[in-house]
Amino acid sequence: MANVVKRMNDIVLMVPGPTMLSERVIRAMSRQAINHRSEPFRKLYKRLVEKLRYIFRTEKGEIFILTSSGTGGMEAALANIIEPNDKVIVPIYGNFSQRMADIARVYGANVICKRYPLGEAPRLEDIKALLDEHEDAKALALVYNETSTGVVVRELEAICREARRRGVLTVVDAISILGGEKLEVDAWKVDICIGATQKCLAAPPGLALLSVSQEAWEVIEKTKAKSYYFDLKRYKRFREEKWETPFTPALHLMFALDEALDMIREVGLDNWIMRQKICSEALYEGIEGLGLEIFPKREWRSPTVIAVRYPQGIDDVKFRNRLADIYHIEVAGGFGELRGKIFRIGCMGIVSRKELFVVVTSIADNLTYFGYRADVGAAISRMSEVLRRL
């Protein structure tokens, strides 16, 4: 079983990021560095900005590439729009939406939180009520795809349009879904959208990606910078004056991203997204076929992060360690309140039919070892029906 899928170090990486890399992306990093104050770098930077416009679906937005984790992107987005005591609405439905609220507080915001049961997400009507109650809110910060619970905000487009109509900026964490589900930054009126390279784009971790609307940029220009490194005005000035970054960028990660974005363009973004969505549908069918329970209700299920409840009596750490040691498959555990209660499977990037069958059958065999009888036949049958669409 462990030898069915060959990847670097013989590991099938099915966590919700970082994801497995193609050989093309790996090779793109296997080259000499270049001077980041040179014409070759400027050409690379220009290419990446244009390719990211395609991914974000924006013609007018300002694009920023930051050498940082996705959390750095979240911090950059909030640090550049918040003044002390600005009111920022943050619905909380998992660890990453909580992180958004925590970052906003660090920069002096008056954070208005509404908590949702884990496994659920806000609806348009909820947001309308919050905006009615807090008419003086400056921004609404949302996580499109809450990686910690495996839920997605289904009405994001309508929510962002409503906020724009009211003159409230939207800050959207799309880190674990950019390139894995429909997201139209311009059409949906998303003001600041945050992505990262190591999820659905199938590039290595280490770069945060931002798209900033003209409406948001007007606010940024009037806001005193709270961070030296994440001062977006500085990044824009360097780009406009000489197509350079203000600080030394992670060159080899940019080489890798350049290649990864080429791979997406070659098949088309819609087709890239559709393959991942079909694969996630197949995973949901397979997991349920085994007799396991999906954590979120069907209406909230993420297309990129599959959160699964453990059967009673199965130890999380022992289950995942054995899955890695015996089958060479890595999945993620739960966060916070969900630690030990769920495991999470990432369905992102270059995931294919081959990985899906190996993962589900290995999970089934592992469950058997721990005393849970799983119906492998039902799982394979249900998955196969979905995967005919690939």
Protein backbone atom coordinates (compact mmCIF):
# COMPACT_ATOMS: atom_id res chain seq x y z
CA MET A 1 0.00 0.00 0.00
CA ALA A 2 2.72 2.43 0.99
CA ASN A 3 4.42 2.09 -2.38
CA VAL A 4 1.39 2.82 -4.55
CA VAL A 5 1.99 6.55 -4.71
CA LYS A 6 5.53 7.88 -5.11
CA ARG A 7 6.27 11.41 -3.94
CA MET A 8 9.25 13.13 -2.35
CA ASN A 9 10.29 11.04 0.68
CA ASP A 10 7.54 8.56 -0.29
CA ILE A 11 4.97 10.62 1.65
CA VAL A 12 1.44 11.31 0.44
CA LEU A 13 0.88 14.73 1.95
CA MET A 14 -2.86 15.22 2.46
CA VAL A 15 -2.83 17.92 5.14
CA PRO A 16 -4.62 21.24 4.43
CA GLY A 17 -1.32 22.80 3.34
CA PRO A 18 1.43 22.60 2.53
CA THR A 19 0.42 20.37 -0.35
CA MET A 20 2.38 18.06 -2.61
CA LEU A 21 4.52 19.68 -5.29
CA SER A 22 4.79 18.69 -8.93
CA GLU A 23 8.18 17.73 -10.32
CA ARG A 24 8.01 20.87 -12.48
CA VAL A 25 7.67 23.12 -9.44
CA ILE A 26 10.45 21.28 -7.60
CA ARG A 27 12.77 21.66 -10.60
CA ALA A 28 11.94 25.37 -10.87
CA MET A 29 13.60 25.89 -7.49
CA SER A 30 16.72 23.94 -8.49
CA ARG A 31 18.55 26.84 -10.04
CA GLN A 32 21.01 29.55 -9.16
CA ALA A 33 19.77 32.69 -7.41
CA ILE A 34 19.50 35.98 -9.28
CA ASN A 35 20.09 39.56 -8.19
CA HIS A 36 16.80 40.93 -6.90
CA ARG A 37 17.91 44.38 -8.12
CA SER A 38 18.29 43.24 -11.73
CA GLU A 39 16.32 43.11 -14.95
CA PRO A 40 15.73 39.33 -14.76
CA PHE A 41 14.06 39.80 -11.39
CA ARG A 42 11.96 42.70 -12.66
CA LYS A 43 10.68 40.53 -15.50
CA LEU A 44 9.85 37.74 -13.04
CA TYR A 45 8.03 40.15 -10.74
CA LYS A 46 5.97 41.57 -13.61
CA ARG A 47 5.03 38.06 -14.79
CA LEU A 48 3.91 37.04 -11.33
CA VAL A 49 1.75 40.12 -10.83
CA GLU A 50 -0.05 39.53 -14.13
CA LYS A 51 -0.51 35.82 -13.45
CA LEU A 52 -1.92 36.58 -10.01
CA ARG A 53 -4.41 39.00 -11.50
CA TYR A 54 -5.75 35.99 -13.40
CA ILE A 55 -5.96 33.90 -10.21
CA PHE A 56 -7.67 36.63 -8.16
CA ARG A 57 -9.85 37.61 -11.12
CA THR A 58 -8.97 41.27 -10.85
CA GLU A 59 -8.09 43.86 -13.46
CA LYS A 60 -8.00 46.91 -11.21
CA GLY A 61 -6.66 45.58 -7.93
CA GLU A 62 -3.19 46.19 -6.55
CA ILE A 63 -1.26 42.90 -6.26
CA PHE A 64 1.28 42.32 -3.48
CA ILE A 65 3.66 39.38 -3.03
CA LEU A 66 5.05 39.22 0.50
CA THR A 67 7.77 36.92 1.78
CA SER A 68 5.81 35.61 4.76
CA SER A 69 3.31 33.00 5.84
CA GLY A 70 -0.37 33.47 5.12
CA THR A 71 -0.74 34.91 8.62
CA GLY A 72 1.69 37.64 7.57
CA GLY A 73 -0.72 38.43 4.75
CA MET A 74 -3.57 38.70 7.24
CA GLU A 75 -1.49 41.04 9.38
CA ALA A 76 -0.48 43.17 6.39
CA ALA A 77 -4.12 43.53 5.33
CA LEU A 78 -5.31 44.69 8.74
CA ALA A 79 -2.26 46.73 9.75
CA ASN A 80 -2.63 48.97 6.70
CA ILE A 81 -6.27 49.94 7.21
CA ILE A 82 -6.73 50.14 10.99
CA GLU A 83 -6.46 53.28 13.08
CA PRO A 84 -6.84 53.14 16.88
CA ASN A 85 -10.44 52.38 17.93
CA ASP A 86 -11.65 51.68 14.38
CA LYS A 87 -14.56 49.29 14.59
CA VAL A 88 -13.91 45.98 12.82
CA ILE A 89 -16.55 43.25 12.66
CA VAL A 90 -15.16 39.70 12.82
CA PRO A 91 -17.52 36.71 12.80
CA ILE A 92 -15.74 33.83 14.56
CA TYR A 93 -16.30 30.22 13.53
CA GLY A 94 -12.87 28.64 13.96
CA ASN A 95 -9.23 29.23 14.81
CA PHE A 96 -8.38 31.33 11.77
CA SER A 97 -11.32 33.71 12.14
CA GLN A 98 -10.24 34.05 15.78
CA ARG A 99 -6.74 34.85 14.53
CA MET A 100 -8.19 37.64 12.37
CA ALA A 101 -9.79 39.17 15.46
CA ASP A 102 -6.59 38.82 17.48
CA ILE A 103 -4.52 40.58 14.82
CA ALA A 104 -7.03 43.42 14.55
CA ARG A 105 -6.83 43.95 18.33
CA VAL A 106 -3.04 44.10 18.20
CA TYR A 107 -3.37 47.11 15.90
CA GLY A 108 -5.83 48.89 18.17
CA ALA A 109 -9.15 48.02 16.58
CA ASN A 110 -12.41 47.90 18.48
CA VAL A 111 -13.24 44.34 17.43
CA ILE A 112 -16.90 43.32 17.32
CA CYS A 113 -17.16 39.53 17.40
CA LYS A 114 -20.08 37.22 16.81
CA ARG A 115 -19.38 33.57 17.55
CA TYR A 116 -20.90 30.66 15.66
CA PRO A 117 -21.04 27.00 16.63
CA LEU A 118 -18.02 25.15 15.29
CA GLY A 119 -18.98 23.55 12.00
CA GLU A 120 -21.14 26.49 10.90
CA ALA A 121 -20.44 29.83 9.19
CA PRO A 122 -22.20 33.21 8.91
CA ARG A 123 -25.05 33.79 6.49
CA LEU A 124 -25.87 36.98 4.62
CA GLU A 125 -28.74 37.79 6.99
CA ASP A 126 -26.40 37.50 9.99
CA ILE A 127 -23.97 39.96 8.43
CA LYS A 128 -26.75 42.38 7.51
CA ALA A 129 -27.87 42.39 11.14
CA LEU A 130 -24.32 43.06 12.35
CA LEU A 131 -23.91 45.90 9.86
CA ASP A 132 -27.26 47.36 10.92
CA GLU A 133 -26.19 47.24 14.56
CA HIS A 134 -22.74 48.70 13.88
CA GLU A 135 -23.29 51.30 11.19
CA ASP A 136 -19.96 52.95 12.02
CA ALA A 137 -17.91 49.82 11.28
CA LYS A 138 -14.86 50.46 9.14
CA ALA A 139 -14.25 46.88 8.04
CA LEU A 140 -15.69 43.39 8.00
CA ALA A 141 -13.10 40.61 8.23
CA LEU A 142 -14.09 37.13 7.08
CA VAL A 143 -12.44 33.76 6.50
CA TYR A 144 -13.82 32.38 3.24
CA ASN A 145 -12.73 28.84 4.05
CA GLU A 146 -12.19 28.06 7.73
CA THR A 147 -9.40 25.49 7.61
CA SER A 148 -9.74 24.48 11.26
CA THR A 149 -13.33 23.26 10.92
CA GLY A 150 -13.69 22.48 7.22
CA VAL A 151 -16.45 25.02 6.55
CA VAL A 152 -16.91 27.54 3.74
CA VAL A 153 -18.88 30.81 3.69
CA ARG A 154 -21.37 30.08 0.92
CA GLU A 155 -22.72 33.62 0.56
CA LEU A 156 -19.40 35.45 0.39
CA GLU A 157 -20.25 37.25 -2.84
CA ALA A 158 -23.53 38.62 -1.49
CA ILE A 159 -21.88 39.56 1.81
CA CYS A 160 -19.09 41.53 0.12
CA ARG A 161 -21.52 43.29 -2.17
CA GLU A 162 -23.66 44.27 0.82
CA ALA A 163 -20.65 45.62 2.69
CA ARG A 164 -19.54 47.64 -0.36
CA ARG A 165 -23.04 49.09 -0.67
CA ARG A 166 -22.74 50.32 2.92
CA GLY A 167 -19.20 51.65 2.54
CA VAL A 168 -17.63 48.98 4.77
CA LEU A 169 -14.34 47.46 3.67
CA THR A 170 -14.14 43.67 3.37
CA VAL A 171 -10.98 41.77 4.32
CA VAL A 172 -11.22 38.16 3.16
CA ASP A 173 -8.86 35.38 4.17
CA ALA A 174 -8.94 33.06 1.15
CA ILE A 175 -5.68 31.32 2.03
CA SER A 176 -6.97 27.75 1.92
CA ILE A 177 -9.36 28.22 -1.01
CA LEU A 178 -7.78 30.63 -3.54
CA GLY A 179 -7.46 28.52 -6.68
CA GLY A 180 -9.71 25.80 -5.26
CA GLU A 181 -13.15 27.41 -5.52
CA LYS A 182 -14.77 30.23 -7.44
CA LEU A 183 -13.56 33.64 -6.24
CA GLU A 184 -14.11 36.77 -8.33
CA VAL A 185 -12.41 39.61 -6.49
CA ASP A 186 -13.57 42.44 -8.77
CA ALA A 187 -17.06 41.13 -9.48
CA TRP A 188 -17.75 40.22 -5.86
CA LYS A 189 -16.45 43.59 -4.55
CA VAL A 190 -13.82 42.04 -2.26
CA ASP A 191 -11.64 44.88 -0.97
CA ILE A 192 -8.63 43.00 0.37
CA CYS A 193 -8.22 39.33 -0.47
CA ILE A 194 -5.46 37.28 1.13
CA GLY A 195 -3.99 34.14 -0.39
CA ALA A 196 -0.93 31.98 0.06
CA THR A 197 1.13 29.75 -2.18
CA GLN A 198 1.13 26.41 -0.33
CA LYS A 199 -2.52 25.45 -0.67
CA CYS A 200 -4.60 25.20 -3.84
CA LEU A 201 -1.92 26.84 -6.01
CA ALA A 202 0.41 23.86 -5.35
CA ALA A 203 3.55 25.90 -4.69
CA PRO A 204 5.83 25.83 -1.62
CA PRO A 205 4.96 27.76 1.56
CA GLY A 206 6.51 31.12 2.27
CA LEU A 207 4.72 33.71 0.12
CA ALA A 208 1.55 35.61 1.06
CA LEU A 209 -0.51 37.11 -1.78
CA LEU A 210 -2.79 40.15 -1.57
CA SER A 211 -5.25 41.76 -3.92
CA VAL A 212 -6.32 45.27 -2.86
CA SER A 213 -9.23 47.19 -4.39
CA GLN A 214 -9.07 50.85 -5.29
CA GLU A 215 -11.55 51.58 -2.49
CA ALA A 216 -9.28 49.86 0.02
CA TRP A 217 -6.21 51.57 -1.39
CA GLU A 218 -7.73 54.99 -0.80
CA VAL A 219 -8.10 54.04 2.86
CA ILE A 220 -4.55 52.66 3.03
CA GLU A 221 -3.14 55.90 1.63
CA LYS A 222 -4.81 57.85 4.46
CA THR A 223 -3.79 55.41 7.18
CA LYS A 224 -0.52 55.76 9.05
CA ALA A 225 1.62 52.67 8.58
CA LYS A 226 1.76 50.50 11.72
CA SER A 227 4.39 48.08 10.43
CA TYR A 228 7.74 48.69 8.81
CA TYR A 229 7.98 45.35 7.01
CA PHE A 230 4.29 45.17 6.02
CA ASP A 231 3.90 48.79 4.91
CA LEU A 232 2.03 48.27 1.62
CA LYS A 233 2.63 51.86 0.53
CA ARG A 234 6.34 51.09 0.56
CA TYR A 235 5.82 47.95 -1.54
CA LYS A 236 3.73 49.83 -4.07
CA ARG A 237 6.27 52.66 -4.32
CA PHE A 238 9.11 50.21 -5.02
CA ARG A 239 7.03 48.43 -7.61
CA GLU A 240 5.90 51.55 -9.42
CA GLU A 241 9.32 53.19 -9.41
CA LYS A 242 11.49 50.21 -10.38
CA TRP A 243 9.60 46.90 -10.26
CA GLU A 244 11.47 45.77 -7.17
CA THR A 245 10.56 44.79 -3.62
CA PRO A 246 11.68 46.91 -0.68
CA PHE A 247 13.32 43.89 1.01
CA THR A 248 15.06 40.78 -0.26
CA PRO A 249 12.32 38.42 -1.49
CA ALA A 250 12.31 34.62 -1.34
CA LEU A 251 13.58 34.24 -4.90
CA HIS A 252 13.32 30.48 -5.20
CA LEU A 253 9.76 30.51 -3.92
CA MET A 254 8.97 33.05 -6.62
CA PHE A 255 10.56 30.76 -9.23
CA ALA A 256 8.34 27.95 -7.95
CA LEU A 257 5.21 30.12 -7.94
CA ASP A 258 5.93 31.23 -11.50
CA GLU A 259 5.96 27.59 -12.63
CA ALA A 260 2.91 26.63 -10.55
CA LEU A 261 0.88 29.48 -12.05
CA ASP A 262 1.96 28.39 -15.53
CA MET A 263 0.56 24.94 -14.79
CA ILE A 264 -2.77 26.47 -13.82
CA ARG A 265 -2.89 28.65 -16.92
CA GLU A 266 -2.16 25.65 -19.15
CA VAL A 267 -5.33 23.85 -18.06
CA GLY A 268 -7.34 26.97 -17.26
CA LEU A 269 -8.30 28.18 -13.79
CA ASP A 270 -11.88 26.89 -14.06
CA ASN A 271 -10.68 23.40 -14.98
CA TRP A 272 -8.04 23.49 -12.22
CA ILE A 273 -10.76 24.33 -9.70
CA MET A 274 -13.19 21.77 -11.09
CA ARG A 275 -10.69 18.91 -10.74
CA GLN A 276 -10.12 19.75 -7.08
CA LYS A 277 -13.86 20.04 -6.44
CA ILE A 278 -14.60 16.67 -8.04
CA CYS A 279 -11.81 15.14 -5.98
CA SER A 280 -13.25 16.61 -2.77
CA GLU A 281 -16.72 15.34 -3.64
CA ALA A 282 -15.22 11.90 -4.14
CA LEU A 283 -13.44 12.11 -0.79
CA TYR A 284 -16.66 13.06 0.98
CA GLU A 285 -18.41 10.09 -0.64
CA GLY A 286 -15.55 7.77 0.24
CA ILE A 287 -15.35 8.88 3.88
CA GLU A 288 -19.09 8.54 4.34
CA GLY A 289 -18.95 5.19 2.54
CA LEU A 290 -16.58 4.01 5.28
CA GLY A 291 -19.31 4.84 7.79
CA LEU A 292 -17.56 7.94 9.17
CA GLU A 293 -19.29 11.23 9.97
CA ILE A 294 -18.31 14.50 8.33
CA PHE A 295 -17.95 17.24 10.95
CA PRO A 296 -19.81 20.16 9.27
CA LYS A 297 -23.33 19.84 7.95
CA ARG A 298 -23.57 19.44 4.18
CA GLU A 299 -24.42 23.09 3.53
CA TRP A 300 -21.16 24.27 5.10
CA ARG A 301 -18.76 21.66 3.74
CA SER A 302 -15.50 23.05 2.40
CA PRO A 303 -14.40 21.99 -1.09
CA THR A 304 -10.74 21.91 -0.01
CA VAL A 305 -10.66 20.75 3.63
CA ILE A 306 -12.54 17.60 4.64
CA ALA A 307 -13.09 17.49 8.42
CA VAL A 308 -14.00 14.04 9.76
CA ARG A 309 -15.22 13.03 13.21
CA TYR A 310 -13.37 10.19 14.87
CA PRO A 311 -15.41 7.12 15.84
CA GLN A 312 -15.68 6.76 19.58
CA GLY A 313 -12.61 5.27 21.21
CA ILE A 314 -10.02 6.06 18.53
CA ASP A 315 -7.01 8.05 19.70
CA ASP A 316 -6.15 10.90 17.35
CA VAL A 317 -2.37 10.91 17.75
CA LYS A 318 -2.03 7.13 17.54
CA PHE A 319 -4.32 6.99 14.48
CA ARG A 320 -2.46 9.68 12.54
CA ASN A 321 0.99 8.48 13.56
CA ARG A 322 0.24 4.95 12.40
CA LEU A 323 -1.24 6.27 9.15
CA ALA A 324 2.04 8.10 8.53
CA ASP A 325 4.37 5.33 9.73
CA ILE A 326 2.69 2.36 8.04
CA TYR A 327 0.98 3.87 4.99
CA HIS A 328 3.15 6.97 4.49
CA ILE A 329 0.06 9.21 4.45
CA GLU A 330 -0.19 12.41 6.47
CA VAL A 331 -3.47 14.02 7.47
CA ALA A 332 -3.99 16.78 10.03
CA GLY A 333 -5.59 16.74 13.47
CA GLY A 334 -8.01 19.21 14.98
CA PHE A 335 -7.38 22.61 16.58
CA GLY A 336 -8.40 23.83 20.03
CA GLU A 337 -11.79 22.46 21.08
CA LEU A 338 -11.66 19.97 18.21
CA ARG A 339 -8.26 18.55 19.11
CA GLY A 340 -8.60 14.78 19.33
CA LYS A 341 -12.15 14.87 17.96
CA ILE A 342 -11.59 15.27 14.21
CA PHE A 343 -8.97 14.74 11.54
CA ARG A 344 -8.70 16.89 8.45
CA ILE A 345 -7.80 15.93 4.89
CA GLY A 346 -6.54 18.55 2.46
CA CYS A 347 -7.90 18.19 -1.07
CA MET A 348 -5.84 20.83 -2.83
CA GLY A 349 -3.43 21.52 -5.64
CA ILE A 350 -2.27 18.56 -7.73
CA VAL A 351 -4.36 15.96 -5.87
CA SER A 352 -5.61 13.26 -8.22
CA ARG A 353 -7.62 10.04 -8.42
CA LYS A 354 -4.58 8.00 -7.40
CA GLU A 355 -4.07 9.75 -4.06
CA LEU A 356 -7.77 9.58 -3.24
CA PHE A 357 -8.06 5.81 -3.48
CA VAL A 358 -4.83 5.26 -1.57
CA VAL A 359 -5.88 7.64 1.20
CA VAL A 360 -9.38 6.24 1.68
CA THR A 361 -8.34 2.56 1.58
CA SER A 362 -5.44 3.26 3.95
CA ILE A 363 -7.75 5.09 6.36
CA ALA A 364 -10.10 2.10 6.22
CA ASP A 365 -7.30 -0.38 6.95
CA ASN A 366 -6.02 1.81 9.77
CA LEU A 367 -9.50 2.02 11.28
CA THR A 368 -9.71 -1.77 11.22
CA TYR A 369 -6.45 -1.97 13.17
CA PHE A 370 -8.03 0.21 15.87
CA GLY A 371 -11.16 -1.93 16.03
CA TYR A 372 -13.53 -0.03 13.75
CA ARG A 373 -15.11 -1.97 10.89
CA ALA A 374 -15.14 0.18 7.73
CA ASP A 375 -16.99 -0.68 4.52
CA VAL A 376 -14.22 -0.32 1.93
CA GLY A 377 -16.36 -1.65 -0.89
CA ALA A 378 -19.03 0.98 -0.37
CA ALA A 379 -16.40 3.70 -0.17
CA ILE A 380 -14.70 2.68 -3.43
CA SER A 381 -18.01 2.36 -5.23
CA ARG A 382 -19.21 5.78 -4.17
CA MET A 383 -15.89 7.42 -5.02
CA SER A 384 -15.72 5.77 -8.43
CA GLU A 385 -19.13 7.12 -9.35
CA VAL A 386 -18.01 10.69 -8.67
CA LEU A 387 -14.58 10.31 -10.30
CA ARG A 388 -16.12 9.34 -13.64
CA ARG A 389 -16.52 13.09 -14.15
CA LEU A 390 -12.74 13.63 -14.16
